[in-house]
Amino acid sequence: MSNKTRNNHLLSYPIIVLASGGDVDAINTVLKHYEGYIAALSMRTLDCQH
């Protein structure tokens, strides 16, 4: 991932297109970009009362 992408806190459109097409490097870029968010969500407890 380029510094430009990281500074903007957004993934570039070409990375998203490549990832949605199955490009492994692009998928890894997406996962790396969102790893903090994924980790934070994985620590939350869900209140599933209906």
Protein backbone atom coordinates (compact mmCIF):
# COMPACT_ATOMS: atom_id res chain seq x y z
CA MET A 1 0.00 0.00 0.00
CA SER A 2 1.37 3.36 -0.91
CA ASN A 3 1.89 6.18 1.58
CA LYS A 4 -0.66 8.25 -0.34
CA THR A 5 -3.36 5.64 0.27
CA ARG A 6 -2.46 5.29 3.92
CA ASN A 7 -2.43 9.07 4.47
CA ASN A 8 -5.92 9.41 2.98
CA HIS A 9 -7.25 6.54 5.09
CA LEU A 10 -8.99 5.29 1.96
CA LEU A 11 -8.24 2.39 -0.30
CA SER A 12 -7.85 3.27 -3.93
CA TYR A 13 -10.55 2.20 -6.35
CA PRO A 14 -8.16 -0.01 -8.36
CA ILE A 15 -7.25 -1.95 -5.19
CA ILE A 16 -10.94 -2.51 -4.43
CA VAL A 17 -11.61 -3.68 -7.99
CA LEU A 18 -8.63 -6.04 -7.95
CA ALA A 19 -9.62 -7.42 -4.53
CA SER A 20 -13.21 -8.01 -5.63
CA GLY A 21 -11.80 -9.85 -8.64
CA GLY A 22 -9.81 -12.20 -6.43
CA ASP A 23 -6.31 -10.70 -6.65
CA VAL A 24 -4.52 -12.10 -3.60
CA ASP A 25 -2.18 -9.15 -3.13
CA ALA A 26 -5.08 -6.70 -3.30
CA ILE A 27 -7.10 -8.78 -0.81
CA ASN A 28 -4.16 -8.77 1.57
CA THR A 29 -3.90 -4.98 1.14
CA VAL A 30 -7.57 -4.61 2.07
CA LEU A 31 -7.18 -6.89 5.09
CA LYS A 32 -4.07 -5.02 6.23
CA HIS A 33 -5.87 -1.68 5.81
CA TYR A 34 -8.79 -2.80 7.99
CA GLU A 35 -6.95 -5.01 10.48
CA GLY A 36 -7.33 -2.54 13.36
CA TYR A 37 -11.04 -2.14 12.70
CA ILE A 38 -11.51 -5.91 12.43
CA ALA A 39 -9.60 -6.46 15.68
CA ALA A 40 -11.67 -3.84 17.50
CA LEU A 41 -14.93 -5.35 16.29
CA SER A 42 -13.82 -8.84 17.26
CA MET A 43 -13.48 -7.70 20.88
CA ARG A 44 -17.02 -6.31 21.16
CA THR A 45 -19.76 -8.29 22.81
CA LEU A 46 -23.11 -8.44 21.11
CA ASP A 47 -26.35 -7.92 22.95
CA CYS A 48 -28.65 -10.30 21.10
CA GLN A 49 -31.84 -9.72 23.06
CA HIS A 50 -34.89 -9.56 20.82
